N, C-alpha and C. Protein backbone atom coordinates (compact mmCIF):
# COMPACT_ATOMS: atom_id res chain seq x y z
N UNK A 1 -124.86 143.78 270.59
CA UNK A 1 -124.13 145.11 270.25
C UNK A 1 -124.42 145.74 268.97
N UNK A 2 -124.89 146.54 268.54
CA UNK A 2 -124.88 147.45 267.71
C UNK A 2 -123.54 147.45 267.33
N UNK A 3 -123.71 147.35 266.29
CA UNK A 3 -122.29 147.62 265.35
C UNK A 3 -122.13 148.68 264.36
N UNK A 4 -121.66 149.81 264.90
CA UNK A 4 -121.42 151.46 264.42
C UNK A 4 -120.39 151.10 262.98
N UNK A 5 -120.41 151.93 261.97
CA UNK A 5 -119.43 151.82 261.32
C UNK A 5 -118.89 153.46 261.30
N UNK A 6 -117.43 153.39 260.78
CA UNK A 6 -116.62 154.36 261.02
C UNK A 6 -116.66 155.55 259.36
N UNK A 7 -118.24 155.66 258.89
CA UNK A 7 -118.67 156.27 257.56
C UNK A 7 -117.30 157.23 257.03
N UNK A 8 -116.87 158.54 258.20
CA UNK A 8 -115.72 159.17 257.52
C UNK A 8 -114.89 158.55 256.97
N UNK A 9 -114.16 157.78 257.77
CA UNK A 9 -113.02 157.02 257.12
C UNK A 9 -113.02 156.23 255.87
N UNK A 10 -113.97 155.38 256.05
CA UNK A 10 -114.88 154.34 254.78
C UNK A 10 -114.75 155.44 253.36
N UNK A 11 -115.36 156.52 253.70
CA UNK A 11 -115.60 157.10 252.25
C UNK A 11 -113.88 157.89 252.22
N UNK A 12 -113.03 158.10 253.26
CA UNK A 12 -111.88 158.98 252.64
C UNK A 12 -111.06 157.31 251.78
N UNK A 13 -111.34 156.35 252.12
CA UNK A 13 -110.80 155.30 251.71
C UNK A 13 -111.18 154.80 250.55
N UNK A 14 -112.17 155.06 250.21
CA UNK A 14 -113.46 154.80 248.58
C UNK A 14 -112.48 156.37 247.98
N UNK A 15 -112.67 157.02 248.56
CA UNK A 15 -112.04 158.33 247.43
C UNK A 15 -111.01 158.19 247.14
N UNK A 16 -109.62 157.68 248.23
CA UNK A 16 -108.16 157.62 247.66
C UNK A 16 -108.61 156.77 246.49
N UNK A 17 -109.10 155.25 246.00
CA UNK A 17 -108.89 154.65 245.17
C UNK A 17 -109.74 154.84 243.86
N UNK A 18 -110.16 155.99 243.91
CA UNK A 18 -110.59 156.84 243.00
C UNK A 18 -109.96 157.74 242.18
N UNK A 19 -109.09 159.02 243.20
CA UNK A 19 -108.67 160.13 242.59
C UNK A 19 -107.13 159.18 242.22
N UNK A 20 -106.96 158.02 242.67
CA UNK A 20 -105.58 157.34 242.27
C UNK A 20 -105.41 157.04 241.33
N UNK A 21 -106.67 156.77 240.83
CA UNK A 21 -106.75 155.93 239.12
C UNK A 21 -107.87 156.28 238.58
N UNK A 22 -108.46 157.59 238.63
CA UNK A 22 -109.29 158.20 237.78
C UNK A 22 -108.99 158.16 236.33
N UNK A 23 -107.38 158.69 236.26
CA UNK A 23 -106.96 159.45 234.81
C UNK A 23 -106.53 157.97 234.01
N UNK A 24 -106.10 157.04 234.79
CA UNK A 24 -105.54 156.03 234.02
C UNK A 24 -107.73 155.23 232.98
N UNK A 25 -108.60 154.99 234.31
CA UNK A 25 -109.80 154.98 233.88
C UNK A 25 -110.67 155.44 233.24
N UNK A 26 -110.18 156.50 233.22
CA UNK A 26 -110.99 157.63 231.99
C UNK A 26 -109.96 157.33 230.49
N UNK A 27 -108.77 156.47 230.30
CA UNK A 27 -108.05 156.65 229.57
C UNK A 27 -108.63 155.32 228.61
N UNK A 28 -109.32 154.36 229.57
CA UNK A 28 -109.92 153.42 229.64
C UNK A 28 -111.71 153.79 228.43
N UNK A 29 -112.09 154.43 229.29
CA UNK A 29 -113.43 154.51 228.92
C UNK A 29 -113.23 155.65 227.35
N UNK A 30 -112.14 156.25 227.63
CA UNK A 30 -111.85 156.95 225.73
C UNK A 30 -111.77 156.09 224.79
N UNK A 31 -110.56 154.80 225.22
CA UNK A 31 -110.24 153.99 224.01
C UNK A 31 -111.74 153.37 223.90
N UNK A 32 -112.47 152.86 225.18
CA UNK A 32 -113.60 151.99 224.59
C UNK A 32 -114.30 153.08 223.63
N UNK A 33 -114.74 153.90 223.59
CA UNK A 33 -115.60 155.22 223.04
C UNK A 33 -114.60 154.80 222.13
N UNK A 34 -113.85 155.01 221.06
CA UNK A 34 -113.23 154.83 219.99
C UNK A 34 -113.03 153.41 219.46
N UNK A 35 -113.28 152.49 220.14
CA UNK A 35 -113.37 151.14 219.62
C UNK A 35 -114.83 151.19 219.02
N UNK A 36 -116.10 151.60 219.94
CA UNK A 36 -117.52 151.68 219.49
C UNK A 36 -117.63 152.49 218.20
N UNK A 37 -116.74 153.77 218.17
CA UNK A 37 -116.70 154.26 217.08
C UNK A 37 -116.36 153.35 215.68
N UNK A 38 -115.04 152.57 215.84
CA UNK A 38 -115.09 152.00 214.81
C UNK A 38 -116.06 150.95 214.54
N UNK A 39 -117.07 150.28 215.48
CA UNK A 39 -118.39 149.41 215.65
C UNK A 39 -119.16 150.42 214.33
N UNK A 40 -119.34 151.74 214.99
CA UNK A 40 -120.69 152.62 214.34
C UNK A 40 -120.38 152.46 212.44
N UNK A 41 -119.50 151.97 212.29
CA UNK A 41 -118.88 152.07 210.93
C UNK A 41 -119.21 151.20 209.87
N UNK A 42 -120.73 150.53 210.80
CA UNK A 42 -120.86 148.84 210.08
C UNK A 42 -120.24 148.39 208.86
N UNK A 43 -119.02 148.47 208.88
CA UNK A 43 -118.47 147.91 207.71
C UNK A 43 -117.78 146.50 208.65
N UNK A 44 -117.45 145.38 207.99
CA UNK A 44 -116.85 143.76 208.52
C UNK A 44 -115.80 143.78 208.89
N UNK A 45 -114.76 144.77 208.28
CA UNK A 45 -113.27 144.87 208.80
C UNK A 45 -113.60 145.88 210.21
N UNK A 46 -114.33 147.20 210.20
CA UNK A 46 -114.34 148.00 211.49
C UNK A 46 -115.56 147.32 212.35
N UNK A 47 -116.04 146.40 212.09
CA UNK A 47 -117.13 145.86 212.98
C UNK A 47 -116.09 144.75 214.12
N UNK A 48 -115.19 144.14 213.13
CA UNK A 48 -113.90 142.82 213.83
C UNK A 48 -112.97 143.61 214.67
N UNK A 49 -112.66 144.70 214.00
CA UNK A 49 -111.20 145.96 214.98
C UNK A 49 -111.93 146.29 216.39
N UNK A 50 -113.05 147.01 215.82
CA UNK A 50 -113.89 147.65 217.15
C UNK A 50 -114.60 146.47 218.11
N UNK A 51 -115.05 145.56 217.93
CA UNK A 51 -115.36 144.12 218.70
C UNK A 51 -114.38 143.70 219.52
N UNK A 52 -113.48 143.32 218.26
CA UNK A 52 -111.86 142.61 219.21
C UNK A 52 -111.34 143.82 220.80
N UNK A 53 -111.27 145.06 220.01
CA UNK A 53 -110.74 146.12 221.10
C UNK A 53 -111.35 146.65 222.08
N UNK A 54 -113.16 146.46 221.72
CA UNK A 54 -113.87 146.72 223.14
C UNK A 54 -113.84 145.74 223.57
N UNK A 55 -113.83 144.09 223.73
CA UNK A 55 -113.93 143.17 224.40
C UNK A 55 -112.16 143.41 225.48
N UNK A 56 -111.41 144.01 223.90
CA UNK A 56 -110.13 143.79 225.33
C UNK A 56 -109.78 144.42 226.20
N UNK A 57 -110.73 145.70 226.00
CA UNK A 57 -110.59 146.81 226.66
C UNK A 57 -111.23 146.57 228.33
N UNK A 58 -112.44 146.26 227.53
CA UNK A 58 -113.27 145.76 228.95
C UNK A 58 -112.48 144.67 230.22
N UNK A 59 -111.60 143.74 229.73
CA UNK A 59 -111.36 142.77 230.21
C UNK A 59 -110.14 143.51 231.06
N UNK A 60 -109.38 144.46 230.13
CA UNK A 60 -108.05 145.14 230.69
C UNK A 60 -108.13 146.03 232.01
N UNK A 61 -109.80 146.97 231.57
CA UNK A 61 -110.51 147.30 232.68
C UNK A 61 -110.33 147.02 233.75
N UNK A 62 -111.29 145.57 233.53
CA UNK A 62 -111.85 145.18 235.22
C UNK A 62 -110.43 144.57 236.14
N UNK A 63 -109.09 143.65 235.32
CA UNK A 63 -108.12 143.71 235.31
C UNK A 63 -107.30 144.77 236.18
N UNK A 64 -107.19 145.77 235.87
CA UNK A 64 -107.03 146.85 236.45
C UNK A 64 -107.16 147.31 237.74
N UNK A 65 -108.58 147.30 237.58
CA UNK A 65 -109.41 147.70 238.62
C UNK A 65 -108.89 147.16 239.78
N UNK A 66 -109.15 145.97 239.65
CA UNK A 66 -108.40 144.95 241.06
C UNK A 66 -107.07 144.68 241.63
N UNK A 67 -106.28 144.99 239.85
CA UNK A 67 -104.46 144.60 240.53
C UNK A 67 -104.40 145.86 241.25
N UNK A 68 -104.41 146.97 240.84
CA UNK A 68 -103.80 148.09 241.14
C UNK A 68 -104.62 148.66 242.88
N UNK A 69 -105.93 148.28 243.30
CA UNK A 69 -106.63 148.71 244.48
C UNK A 69 -106.43 147.40 245.18
N UNK A 70 -106.42 146.42 245.05
CA UNK A 70 -105.43 145.35 245.73
C UNK A 70 -104.50 144.52 246.00
N UNK A 71 -103.96 143.78 245.02
CA UNK A 71 -102.57 143.05 244.47
C UNK A 71 -101.62 144.62 244.87
N UNK A 72 -101.45 145.22 244.06
CA UNK A 72 -100.43 146.11 244.17
C UNK A 72 -99.95 146.41 245.75
N UNK A 73 -101.14 147.55 246.35
CA UNK A 73 -101.16 147.58 247.65
C UNK A 73 -100.29 146.54 248.76
N UNK A 74 -101.39 145.38 248.40
CA UNK A 74 -100.77 143.87 249.35
C UNK A 74 -99.42 143.86 248.79
N UNK A 75 -99.12 144.45 247.96
CA UNK A 75 -97.25 143.77 247.27
C UNK A 75 -96.92 144.56 248.26
N UNK A 76 -97.09 146.12 248.24
CA UNK A 76 -96.12 147.42 248.33
C UNK A 76 -96.42 147.53 250.08
N UNK A 77 -97.53 146.55 251.18
CA UNK A 77 -97.88 146.19 252.41
C UNK A 77 -98.17 147.81 252.84
N UNK A 78 -99.31 148.33 252.34
CA UNK A 78 -99.72 149.85 252.64
C UNK A 78 -100.76 149.52 253.76
N UNK A 79 -100.84 147.70 254.29
CA UNK A 79 -102.28 147.26 255.12
C UNK A 79 -101.09 148.19 256.51
N UNK A 80 -100.26 148.19 256.72
CA UNK A 80 -99.51 148.85 258.23
C UNK A 80 -100.55 149.96 258.01
N UNK A 81 -100.04 151.24 257.26
CA UNK A 81 -100.98 152.42 257.10
C UNK A 81 -102.32 152.41 257.64
N UNK A 82 -103.58 151.51 257.19
CA UNK A 82 -104.43 151.33 257.19
C UNK A 82 -104.73 151.02 258.57
N UNK A 83 -103.99 149.86 259.31
CA UNK A 83 -104.01 149.74 260.95
C UNK A 83 -104.02 150.64 261.70
N UNK A 84 -103.16 151.92 261.43
CA UNK A 84 -103.05 152.56 262.40
C UNK A 84 -103.81 154.03 262.67
N UNK A 85 -105.09 153.60 261.05
CA UNK A 85 -106.50 154.38 261.50
C UNK A 85 -107.22 153.57 262.30
N UNK A 86 -108.46 154.81 262.44
CA UNK A 86 -109.23 154.09 263.55
C UNK A 86 -110.69 153.22 263.09
N UNK A 87 -109.89 152.17 262.41
CA UNK A 87 -111.13 151.82 260.83
C UNK A 87 -110.79 149.75 261.59
N UNK A 88 -112.11 149.45 261.63
CA UNK A 88 -112.44 147.93 261.63
C UNK A 88 -112.03 147.25 260.31
N UNK A 89 -111.61 145.76 260.98
CA UNK A 89 -111.72 144.93 259.14
C UNK A 89 -113.25 144.92 258.60
N UNK A 90 -113.85 145.06 259.13
CA UNK A 90 -115.32 145.18 258.08
C UNK A 90 -115.57 146.50 257.84
N UNK A 91 -114.75 147.49 258.49
CA UNK A 91 -115.27 148.92 257.43
C UNK A 91 -113.94 149.00 256.37
N UNK A 92 -112.73 148.21 257.08
CA UNK A 92 -111.93 148.32 255.70
C UNK A 92 -112.24 147.42 254.78
N UNK A 93 -112.78 146.66 254.86
CA UNK A 93 -113.99 145.18 253.71
C UNK A 93 -114.66 146.49 252.93
N UNK A 94 -115.58 146.98 253.53
CA UNK A 94 -116.77 147.90 252.62
C UNK A 94 -115.78 148.56 251.98
N UNK A 95 -115.17 149.24 252.82
CA UNK A 95 -114.28 150.91 252.01
C UNK A 95 -113.88 149.98 250.56
N UNK A 96 -112.96 148.84 250.42
CA UNK A 96 -112.22 148.38 249.76
C UNK A 96 -113.23 147.74 248.65
N UNK A 97 -114.21 147.15 248.94
CA UNK A 97 -115.08 146.81 248.08
C UNK A 97 -115.77 147.52 246.97
N UNK A 98 -116.68 148.77 248.26
CA UNK A 98 -116.92 149.69 247.38
C UNK A 98 -116.23 151.07 246.60
N UNK A 99 -114.99 150.94 246.70
CA UNK A 99 -113.88 151.74 246.00
C UNK A 99 -113.49 151.08 244.81
N UNK A 100 -113.32 149.52 245.08
CA UNK A 100 -113.45 148.85 243.95
C UNK A 100 -114.17 148.61 242.96
N UNK A 101 -115.39 148.70 243.03
CA UNK A 101 -116.85 148.73 242.16
C UNK A 101 -117.05 150.37 242.11
N UNK A 102 -116.68 151.21 243.01
CA UNK A 102 -116.67 152.39 242.24
C UNK A 102 -115.70 152.90 240.64
N UNK A 103 -114.35 152.28 240.63
CA UNK A 103 -113.69 152.36 240.15
C UNK A 103 -113.38 151.31 239.01
N UNK A 104 -114.61 150.80 239.04
CA UNK A 104 -114.64 149.79 237.98
C UNK A 104 -116.19 149.77 237.12
N UNK A 105 -116.84 150.54 237.98
CA UNK A 105 -118.43 150.79 237.52
C UNK A 105 -118.86 151.84 236.55
N UNK A 106 -118.04 152.85 236.84
CA UNK A 106 -117.80 154.11 236.18
C UNK A 106 -117.55 154.40 234.62
N UNK A 107 -116.63 153.37 234.46
CA UNK A 107 -116.14 153.36 233.15
C UNK A 107 -116.79 152.09 232.30
N UNK A 108 -117.31 151.23 233.46
CA UNK A 108 -118.10 150.16 233.08
C UNK A 108 -119.45 150.81 231.84
N UNK A 109 -120.36 151.55 232.91
CA UNK A 109 -121.30 151.93 232.70
C UNK A 109 -121.27 152.70 231.21
N UNK A 110 -120.57 153.38 231.46
CA UNK A 110 -119.97 154.74 230.25
C UNK A 110 -119.81 153.83 229.04
N UNK A 111 -119.07 152.88 228.76
CA UNK A 111 -118.96 151.87 227.48
C UNK A 111 -120.39 151.11 227.31
N UNK A 112 -120.74 150.71 228.38
CA UNK A 112 -122.01 150.03 227.95
C UNK A 112 -123.56 151.08 227.42
N UNK A 113 -123.28 152.32 228.30
CA UNK A 113 -124.13 153.37 227.36
C UNK A 113 -123.98 153.42 226.13
N UNK A 114 -122.67 153.97 226.01
CA UNK A 114 -122.24 154.57 224.65
C UNK A 114 -121.99 152.96 223.43
N UNK A 115 -122.20 151.74 224.16
CA UNK A 115 -123.16 150.56 223.23
C UNK A 115 -123.84 151.18 222.77
N UNK A 116 -124.96 151.22 223.71
CA UNK A 116 -126.58 151.19 223.18
C UNK A 116 -126.30 152.63 222.38
N UNK A 117 -125.97 153.37 222.82
CA UNK A 117 -125.97 155.05 221.60
C UNK A 117 -125.56 154.37 219.94
N UNK A 118 -124.64 153.55 219.97
CA UNK A 118 -123.86 153.42 219.32
C UNK A 118 -124.77 152.33 218.23
N UNK A 119 -125.25 151.34 218.96
CA UNK A 119 -126.54 150.21 218.43
C UNK A 119 -127.56 151.19 217.75
N UNK A 120 -128.08 151.93 218.09
CA UNK A 120 -129.51 152.47 218.01
C UNK A 120 -129.42 153.51 217.36
N UNK A 121 -127.90 154.27 217.35
CA UNK A 121 -127.89 155.70 215.92
C UNK A 121 -127.27 155.09 215.11
N UNK A 122 -126.55 154.03 214.55
CA UNK A 122 -125.64 153.66 213.31
C UNK A 122 -126.45 152.72 212.49
N UNK A 123 -125.87 152.47 211.40
CA UNK A 123 -126.42 151.37 211.08
C UNK A 123 -126.22 149.87 211.58
N UNK A 124 -125.60 149.69 212.43
CA UNK A 124 -125.79 148.24 212.56
C UNK A 124 -127.50 147.74 213.38
N UNK A 125 -127.29 146.68 213.02
CA UNK A 125 -129.06 146.36 213.53
C UNK A 125 -128.89 146.18 215.25
N UNK A 126 -130.37 146.43 215.83
CA UNK A 126 -130.66 147.37 217.10
C UNK A 126 -130.70 145.52 217.68
N UNK A 127 -130.83 144.54 216.81
CA UNK A 127 -130.90 143.04 217.68
C UNK A 127 -129.48 142.80 218.13
N UNK A 128 -128.19 143.52 217.81
CA UNK A 128 -127.25 143.45 218.40
C UNK A 128 -127.37 143.50 220.12
N UNK A 129 -128.48 144.11 220.41
CA UNK A 129 -128.38 144.48 221.65
C UNK A 129 -128.43 143.02 222.55
N UNK A 130 -129.05 142.23 221.90
CA UNK A 130 -129.18 140.87 222.44
C UNK A 130 -127.85 140.20 222.46
N UNK A 131 -127.30 140.19 221.89
CA UNK A 131 -125.73 139.62 222.11
C UNK A 131 -125.11 140.36 223.07
N UNK A 132 -125.03 142.03 222.96
CA UNK A 132 -123.86 142.51 223.71
C UNK A 132 -124.59 142.37 225.33
N UNK A 133 -125.73 142.16 225.71
CA UNK A 133 -125.73 142.29 227.12
C UNK A 133 -125.12 141.35 227.50
N UNK A 134 -125.25 139.81 226.91
CA UNK A 134 -124.66 138.69 228.43
C UNK A 134 -123.17 139.20 228.04
N UNK A 135 -122.83 139.53 226.53
CA UNK A 135 -121.15 139.86 226.84
C UNK A 135 -120.21 140.61 227.78
N UNK A 136 -121.27 141.88 228.14
CA UNK A 136 -121.37 142.76 229.69
C UNK A 136 -121.40 142.06 230.39
N UNK A 137 -122.69 141.36 230.38
CA UNK A 137 -123.02 140.61 231.80
C UNK A 137 -121.69 139.70 232.49
N UNK A 138 -121.01 138.64 231.66
CA UNK A 138 -119.65 138.09 231.47
C UNK A 138 -118.76 138.61 232.41
N UNK A 139 -118.71 140.10 231.72
CA UNK A 139 -117.35 140.85 232.39
C UNK A 139 -117.62 140.94 233.69
N UNK A 140 -118.83 141.75 234.08
CA UNK A 140 -119.36 141.68 235.32
C UNK A 140 -119.06 140.90 236.39
N UNK A 141 -119.57 139.46 235.82
CA UNK A 141 -119.21 138.10 236.83
C UNK A 141 -118.21 138.08 236.53
N UNK A 142 -117.36 137.84 236.17
CA UNK A 142 -115.94 137.59 235.88
C UNK A 142 -115.21 138.57 236.63
N UNK A 143 -115.40 139.85 236.62
CA UNK A 143 -114.90 140.90 237.56
C UNK A 143 -115.52 140.77 238.82
N UNK A 144 -116.58 140.53 239.40
CA UNK A 144 -117.18 140.03 241.18
C UNK A 144 -116.51 138.70 241.55
N UNK A 145 -116.37 137.72 240.19
CA UNK A 145 -115.71 136.60 241.36
C UNK A 145 -114.28 136.85 241.16
N UNK A 146 -113.40 137.10 240.37
CA UNK A 146 -111.97 137.71 240.25
C UNK A 146 -111.69 138.81 241.54
N UNK A 147 -113.03 139.94 242.05
CA UNK A 147 -112.91 140.18 243.15
C UNK A 147 -112.70 139.42 244.52
N UNK A 148 -113.78 138.89 244.59
CA UNK A 148 -113.72 138.03 246.14
C UNK A 148 -113.08 137.30 245.87
N UNK A 149 -112.29 136.75 244.81
CA UNK A 149 -111.32 135.76 245.35
C UNK A 149 -110.09 136.51 245.77
N UNK A 150 -109.91 137.76 245.19
CA UNK A 150 -108.64 138.69 245.36
C UNK A 150 -108.59 139.34 246.89
N UNK A 151 -109.89 139.30 247.32
CA UNK A 151 -109.96 139.95 248.53
C UNK A 151 -109.55 138.23 249.87
N UNK A 152 -109.85 137.44 249.14
CA UNK A 152 -110.07 136.05 249.99
C UNK A 152 -108.17 135.60 249.81
N UNK A 153 -107.57 135.63 248.72
CA UNK A 153 -106.82 134.73 248.83
C UNK A 153 -105.71 136.32 248.19
N UNK A 154 -104.58 135.86 249.31
CA UNK A 154 -103.18 136.19 249.14
C UNK A 154 -102.41 136.30 248.09
N UNK A 155 -102.28 135.16 247.64
CA UNK A 155 -101.41 134.64 246.23
C UNK A 155 -101.78 135.78 245.14
N UNK A 156 -100.50 136.20 244.63
CA UNK A 156 -100.53 136.91 243.41
C UNK A 156 -100.30 136.43 241.97
N UNK A 157 -100.30 134.63 242.43
CA UNK A 157 -100.51 133.88 241.16
C UNK A 157 -102.11 133.73 240.76
N UNK A 158 -102.33 132.85 241.98
CA UNK A 158 -103.59 132.25 241.94
C UNK A 158 -104.78 133.60 241.74
N UNK A 159 -104.06 134.78 241.98
CA UNK A 159 -105.32 135.68 241.70
C UNK A 159 -104.98 136.31 240.37
N UNK A 160 -104.11 136.30 239.45
CA UNK A 160 -103.75 136.50 238.41
C UNK A 160 -104.29 135.25 237.67
N UNK A 161 -104.28 134.35 237.54
CA UNK A 161 -104.87 132.88 237.32
C UNK A 161 -106.39 133.25 236.98
N UNK A 162 -106.73 133.52 238.27
CA UNK A 162 -108.14 133.57 238.45
C UNK A 162 -108.91 134.76 237.58
N UNK A 163 -108.03 135.49 237.73
CA UNK A 163 -108.40 137.09 236.34
C UNK A 163 -108.64 136.58 235.11
N UNK A 164 -107.46 136.47 234.76
CA UNK A 164 -107.40 135.98 233.33
C UNK A 164 -108.35 134.67 232.71
N UNK A 165 -108.05 133.80 233.86
CA UNK A 165 -109.49 132.24 233.36
C UNK A 165 -110.59 133.11 233.31
N UNK A 166 -111.07 133.43 234.23
CA UNK A 166 -112.30 134.08 233.92
C UNK A 166 -112.17 134.84 232.96
N UNK A 167 -111.53 135.98 232.90
CA UNK A 167 -111.99 136.91 231.20
C UNK A 167 -112.17 135.86 230.21
N UNK A 168 -111.38 134.90 229.77
CA UNK A 168 -110.80 134.26 228.73
C UNK A 168 -112.30 133.43 228.37
N UNK A 169 -112.88 132.95 229.72
CA UNK A 169 -114.11 132.48 229.57
C UNK A 169 -115.01 132.99 228.19
N UNK A 170 -114.74 134.38 228.21
CA UNK A 170 -115.84 135.37 227.54
C UNK A 170 -115.82 134.50 225.66
N UNK A 171 -114.86 134.07 225.46
CA UNK A 171 -115.03 133.10 224.34
C UNK A 171 -115.74 132.05 223.70
N UNK A 172 -115.35 131.34 224.84
CA UNK A 172 -116.50 130.10 224.48
C UNK A 172 -117.92 130.61 224.41
N UNK A 173 -118.05 131.88 225.30
CA UNK A 173 -119.60 131.82 225.88
C UNK A 173 -119.91 132.81 224.25
N UNK A 174 -118.97 133.67 223.60
CA UNK A 174 -119.13 134.06 222.32
C UNK A 174 -119.65 132.92 221.19
N UNK A 175 -119.05 131.93 221.62
CA UNK A 175 -119.38 131.09 220.77
C UNK A 175 -120.60 130.22 221.10
N UNK A 176 -120.81 129.72 222.13
CA UNK A 176 -122.21 129.47 222.68
C UNK A 176 -123.27 130.50 222.09
N UNK A 177 -123.32 131.95 222.41
CA UNK A 177 -124.50 132.27 222.11
C UNK A 177 -124.74 132.38 220.52
N UNK A 178 -123.66 132.32 219.83
CA UNK A 178 -123.42 132.52 218.12
C UNK A 178 -124.30 130.96 217.63
N UNK A 179 -124.53 130.22 218.62
CA UNK A 179 -125.22 128.55 218.07
C UNK A 179 -126.53 129.37 218.81
N UNK A 180 -126.85 129.99 219.56
CA UNK A 180 -128.42 130.11 220.15
C UNK A 180 -129.34 130.50 218.67
N UNK A 181 -130.30 129.77 218.70
CA UNK A 181 -131.05 130.15 217.52
C UNK A 181 -132.34 131.78 218.28
N UNK A 182 -132.19 131.75 219.62
CA UNK A 182 -132.77 132.87 220.34
C UNK A 182 -131.91 134.15 219.55
N UNK A 183 -130.36 133.82 219.52
CA UNK A 183 -129.85 135.23 218.95
C UNK A 183 -129.50 135.25 217.83
N UNK A 184 -128.99 134.33 217.18
CA UNK A 184 -129.08 134.49 215.50
C UNK A 184 -130.40 135.20 214.59
N UNK A 185 -131.38 134.77 215.20
CA UNK A 185 -132.67 135.04 214.99
C UNK A 185 -133.17 136.59 214.88
N UNK A 186 -132.24 137.40 215.43
CA UNK A 186 -132.50 138.48 215.86
C UNK A 186 -131.13 139.45 215.60
N UNK A 187 -130.34 138.91 215.61
CA UNK A 187 -128.54 139.86 216.05
C UNK A 187 -128.71 140.43 214.54
N UNK A 188 -129.27 139.99 213.53
CA UNK A 188 -129.23 140.74 212.07
C UNK A 188 -129.99 141.76 211.92
N UNK A 189 -131.25 141.90 212.63
CA UNK A 189 -132.69 142.35 212.35
C UNK A 189 -132.19 143.42 212.99
N UNK A 190 -133.40 144.27 213.06
CA UNK A 190 -133.64 145.59 213.96
C UNK A 190 -134.82 145.48 215.18
N UNK A 191 -135.17 144.10 215.06
CA UNK A 191 -136.03 143.48 216.20
C UNK A 191 -135.26 143.17 217.55
N UNK A 192 -135.80 143.69 218.65
CA UNK A 192 -135.06 142.98 219.65
C UNK A 192 -136.48 142.22 220.53
N UNK A 193 -135.86 141.13 220.48
CA UNK A 193 -136.21 139.70 221.17
C UNK A 193 -135.66 139.50 222.24
N UNK A 194 -136.18 139.33 223.54
CA UNK A 194 -135.18 139.05 224.31
C UNK A 194 -136.15 137.30 224.74
N UNK A 195 -135.62 136.30 224.35
CA UNK A 195 -135.68 134.80 224.47
C UNK A 195 -135.24 134.44 225.85
N UNK A 196 -136.13 133.21 226.16
CA UNK A 196 -135.92 132.91 227.67
C UNK A 196 -134.65 132.60 227.98
N UNK A 197 -134.05 131.94 226.86
CA UNK A 197 -132.23 131.43 227.28
C UNK A 197 -131.40 132.49 227.52
N UNK A 198 -132.23 133.96 227.20
CA UNK A 198 -130.91 134.71 226.82
C UNK A 198 -131.57 135.44 228.13
N UNK A 199 -132.42 135.62 228.74
CA UNK A 199 -133.09 136.67 229.55
C UNK A 199 -132.44 135.31 231.26
N UNK A 200 -132.31 134.29 231.09
CA UNK A 200 -132.09 133.27 232.33
C UNK A 200 -130.02 133.66 232.11
N UNK A 201 -129.65 133.80 231.37
CA UNK A 201 -128.12 133.94 231.08
C UNK A 201 -128.39 134.81 232.29
N UNK A 202 -128.97 136.41 231.48
CA UNK A 202 -128.73 137.44 232.57
C UNK A 202 -128.80 137.33 233.97
N UNK A 203 -129.67 136.94 234.11
CA UNK A 203 -130.26 137.02 235.49
C UNK A 203 -129.57 136.14 236.46
N UNK A 204 -128.78 134.73 235.73
CA UNK A 204 -127.96 134.00 236.37
C UNK A 204 -126.35 135.01 236.89
N UNK A 205 -125.98 136.03 235.74
CA UNK A 205 -125.14 136.49 235.92
C UNK A 205 -125.27 137.37 236.52
N UNK A 206 -126.29 138.26 236.98
CA UNK A 206 -126.58 139.52 237.95
C UNK A 206 -126.71 138.25 239.29
N UNK A 207 -127.21 137.51 239.25
CA UNK A 207 -127.22 136.82 240.64
C UNK A 207 -126.06 136.14 241.13
N UNK A 208 -125.20 135.34 240.21
CA UNK A 208 -123.83 134.98 240.44
C UNK A 208 -123.10 136.59 241.12
N UNK A 209 -123.00 137.59 240.32
CA UNK A 209 -122.23 138.76 240.59
C UNK A 209 -122.25 138.84 241.69
N UNK A 210 -124.05 139.33 242.33
CA UNK A 210 -124.12 139.66 243.79
C UNK A 210 -123.85 138.92 244.80
N UNK A 211 -124.17 137.63 244.14
CA UNK A 211 -123.48 136.44 245.49
C UNK A 211 -121.76 136.49 245.74
N UNK A 212 -120.82 136.83 244.76
CA UNK A 212 -120.07 136.60 244.66
C UNK A 212 -119.34 138.22 245.73
N UNK A 213 -119.88 139.16 245.67
CA UNK A 213 -119.90 140.34 246.54
C UNK A 213 -119.77 140.10 247.87
N UNK A 214 -121.70 139.59 247.92
CA UNK A 214 -121.93 139.41 249.25
C UNK A 214 -120.94 138.44 250.15
N UNK A 215 -120.28 137.50 249.38
CA UNK A 215 -119.61 136.02 249.51
C UNK A 215 -118.47 137.38 250.33
N UNK A 216 -117.85 137.80 249.36
CA UNK A 216 -116.38 138.53 249.74
C UNK A 216 -116.40 139.75 251.36
N UNK A 217 -117.94 140.38 250.74
CA UNK A 217 -118.21 141.21 252.18
C UNK A 217 -118.19 140.93 253.39
N UNK A 218 -118.85 139.28 253.49
CA UNK A 218 -119.14 138.50 254.87
C UNK A 218 -118.04 137.85 255.32
N UNK A 219 -117.18 137.03 254.01
CA UNK A 219 -115.73 136.42 254.58
C UNK A 219 -114.97 137.19 255.05
N UNK A 220 -114.83 138.32 254.50
CA UNK A 220 -114.01 139.55 255.22
C UNK A 220 -114.11 140.22 256.07
N UNK A 221 -115.37 140.76 256.35
CA UNK A 221 -115.98 141.33 257.36
C UNK A 221 -116.28 140.69 258.89
N UNK A 222 -115.87 139.11 258.57
CA UNK A 222 -115.86 138.54 259.74
C UNK A 222 -115.03 138.44 260.60
N UNK A 223 -113.77 138.93 259.77
CA UNK A 223 -112.09 138.39 260.49
C UNK A 223 -112.27 139.56 261.66
N UNK A 224 -111.73 139.01 263.10
CA UNK A 224 -111.58 139.84 263.82
C UNK A 224 -110.23 140.51 263.92
N UNK A 225 -109.34 140.55 262.83
CA UNK A 225 -107.95 140.92 262.39
C UNK A 225 -108.00 141.54 260.92
N UNK A 226 -107.02 142.34 260.82
CA UNK A 226 -106.48 142.78 259.49
C UNK A 226 -105.65 141.50 259.31
N UNK A 227 -105.10 140.42 259.46
CA UNK A 227 -104.80 139.63 259.30
C UNK A 227 -105.00 138.12 259.54
């Protein structure tokens, strides 16, 4: 039997998440641009402040997208309203995944684009792109993993632990990347060289991110009921 999706309801649920949180996400994006302005000064103190602020904002934004869209709604028991709509568990899963991805992807993309603009249009070395790419990739992977866990596990404590734990792994990642010859050799130059280790890291981050999202869609979509 062919499965038909209720696309009008899915679209409405997606837009609900976006309209509820677009102002807060705009603040995150604007704050990220301010952090990048510090980076663009190309001074040691400004680079430290800007990079620290940017990473903090990326982590906070990813956690905000998940906590407000899933954890808060679950805590406030809004599922009863959704169950009154002509929507199946699979429709609801698609709507929550797509809506959450939308609220995360828009400010994430804005910050990533402005990062490239700042690197290429200021005195910062162009080779910084090779370092920035896997850091953004880690935020994407940590977000996807946290989202998959949040959609499967109802415990608020475990979800908070998963979000904070996965995001904090960016600290050892920075240390590892800083020790890699393929990054140290280009990060302070204007030559952009994508070495095999960096490409392998980026590919792994993308594949794992997509796998987490696919697992979340499959696991929740197969449920015969909302509970």
